[in-house]
């Protein structure tokens, strides 16, 4: 059997006001799943604080990466 990984890909554009809540919900839900997971935050041409919020989330959760 091969390696299994759940990948959540979230595009982020000017979502500083709610992206943390979305990521926290995914992280909470996936904690109980036995399969490893990753959450990829794809930041796209934001004019708000979204990139900084995403970087903070990546620092708080080992499974979160910012692209």
C-alpha atoms as a PDB file:
ATOM      1  CA  UNK A   1       0.000   0.000   0.000  1.00  0.00           C
ATOM      2  CA  UNK A   2       1.324   3.461  -0.905  1.00  0.00           C
ATOM      3  CA  UNK A   3       1.607   6.599   1.151  1.00  0.00           C
ATOM      4  CA  UNK A   4      -1.659   8.449   1.751  1.00  0.00           C
ATOM      5  CA  UNK A   5      -1.937  12.191   2.353  1.00  0.00           C
ATOM      6  CA  UNK A   6      -4.951  14.461   2.503  1.00  0.00           C
ATOM      7  CA  UNK A   7      -4.203  17.782   0.811  1.00  0.00           C
ATOM      8  CA  UNK A   8      -6.464  20.784   1.302  1.00  0.00           C
ATOM      9  CA  UNK A   9      -5.738  23.582  -1.178  1.00  0.00           C
ATOM     10  CA  UNK A  10      -7.202  26.963  -0.292  1.00  0.00           C
ATOM     11  CA  UNK A  11      -6.819  29.938  -2.630  1.00  0.00           C
ATOM     12  CA  UNK A  12      -6.426  33.136  -0.590  1.00  0.00           C
ATOM     13  CA  UNK A  13      -7.232  36.581  -1.971  1.00  0.00           C
ATOM     14  CA  UNK A  14      -7.910  39.433   0.462  1.00  0.00           C
ATOM     15  CA  UNK A  15      -9.262  37.148   3.177  1.00  0.00           C
ATOM     16  CA  UNK A  16      -7.295  38.379   6.188  1.00  0.00           C
ATOM     17  CA  UNK A  17     -10.494  38.821   8.154  1.00  0.00           C
ATOM     18  CA  UNK A  18     -11.516  35.150   8.043  1.00  0.00           C
ATOM     19  CA  UNK A  19      -8.786  32.868   6.661  1.00  0.00           C
ATOM     20  CA  UNK A  20      -7.581  31.971  10.178  1.00  0.00           C
ATOM     21  CA  UNK A  21     -11.053  30.734  11.167  1.00  0.00           C
ATOM     22  CA  UNK A  22     -11.262  28.607   8.018  1.00  0.00           C
ATOM     23  CA  UNK A  23      -7.838  27.050   8.611  1.00  0.00           C
ATOM     24  CA  UNK A  24      -8.601  26.429  12.295  1.00  0.00           C
ATOM     25  CA  UNK A  25     -11.809  24.592  11.318  1.00  0.00           C
ATOM     26  CA  UNK A  26      -9.942  22.362   8.867  1.00  0.00           C
ATOM     27  CA  UNK A  27      -7.177  21.670  11.376  1.00  0.00           C
ATOM     28  CA  UNK A  28      -9.707  20.804  14.075  1.00  0.00           C
ATOM     29  CA  UNK A  29     -11.637  18.469  11.779  1.00  0.00           C
ATOM     30  CA  UNK A  30      -8.532  16.739  10.442  1.00  0.00           C
ATOM     31  CA  UNK A  31      -6.987  16.146  13.865  1.00  0.00           C
ATOM     32  CA  UNK A  32      -9.201  13.113  14.364  1.00  0.00           C
ATOM     33  CA  UNK A  33      -8.431  11.594  10.968  1.00  0.00           C
ATOM     34  CA  UNK A  34      -5.696   8.920  11.017  1.00  0.00           C
ATOM     35  CA  UNK A  35      -4.369   9.911   7.574  1.00  0.00           C
ATOM     36  CA  UNK A  36      -1.671  12.632   7.519  1.00  0.00           C
ATOM     37  CA  UNK A  37      -2.775  15.949   6.057  1.00  0.00           C
ATOM     38  CA  UNK A  38      -1.468  19.212   4.710  1.00  0.00           C
ATOM     39  CA  UNK A  39      -3.183  22.533   4.142  1.00  0.00           C
ATOM     40  CA  UNK A  40      -1.783  24.629   1.305  1.00  0.00           C
ATOM     41  CA  UNK A  41      -2.639  28.321   1.387  1.00  0.00           C
ATOM     42  CA  UNK A  42      -2.160  29.733  -2.100  1.00  0.00           C
ATOM     43  CA  UNK A  43      -1.838  33.495  -1.645  1.00  0.00           C
ATOM     44  CA  UNK A  44      -2.735  35.408  -4.791  1.00  0.00           C
ATOM     45  CA  UNK A  45      -2.066  39.142  -5.282  1.00  0.00           C
ATOM     46  CA  UNK A  46      -3.524  40.266  -1.946  1.00  0.00           C
ATOM     47  CA  UNK A  47      -3.795  43.923  -1.028  1.00  0.00           C
ATOM     48  CA  UNK A  48      -4.683  43.234   2.609  1.00  0.00           C
ATOM     49  CA  UNK A  49      -2.866  41.463   5.457  1.00  0.00           C
ATOM     50  CA  UNK A  50      -3.656  37.958   4.144  1.00  0.00           C
ATOM     51  CA  UNK A  51      -0.014  36.982   3.456  1.00  0.00           C
ATOM     52  CA  UNK A  52       1.024  37.824   7.031  1.00  0.00           C
ATOM     53  CA  UNK A  53      -1.967  35.986   8.493  1.00  0.00           C
ATOM     54  CA  UNK A  54      -1.149  32.932   6.374  1.00  0.00           C
ATOM     55  CA  UNK A  55       2.505  32.999   7.457  1.00  0.00           C
ATOM     56  CA  UNK A  56       1.404  33.180  11.088  1.00  0.00           C
ATOM     57  CA  UNK A  57      -0.863  30.169  10.578  1.00  0.00           C
ATOM     58  CA  UNK A  58       2.002  28.231   8.991  1.00  0.00           C
ATOM     59  CA  UNK A  59       4.105  29.001  12.053  1.00  0.00           C
ATOM     60  CA  UNK A  60       1.370  27.728  14.368  1.00  0.00           C
ATOM     61  CA  UNK A  61       0.468  24.553  12.459  1.00  0.00           C
ATOM     62  CA  UNK A  62       3.167  22.232  11.037  1.00  0.00           C
ATOM     63  CA  UNK A  63       0.715  20.946   8.409  1.00  0.00           C
ATOM     64  CA  UNK A  64       0.063  24.429   6.937  1.00  0.00           C
ATOM     65  CA  UNK A  65       2.238  25.762   4.105  1.00  0.00           C
ATOM     66  CA  UNK A  66       2.004  29.051   2.249  1.00  0.00           C
ATOM     67  CA  UNK A  67       2.517  29.127  -1.498  1.00  0.00           C
END
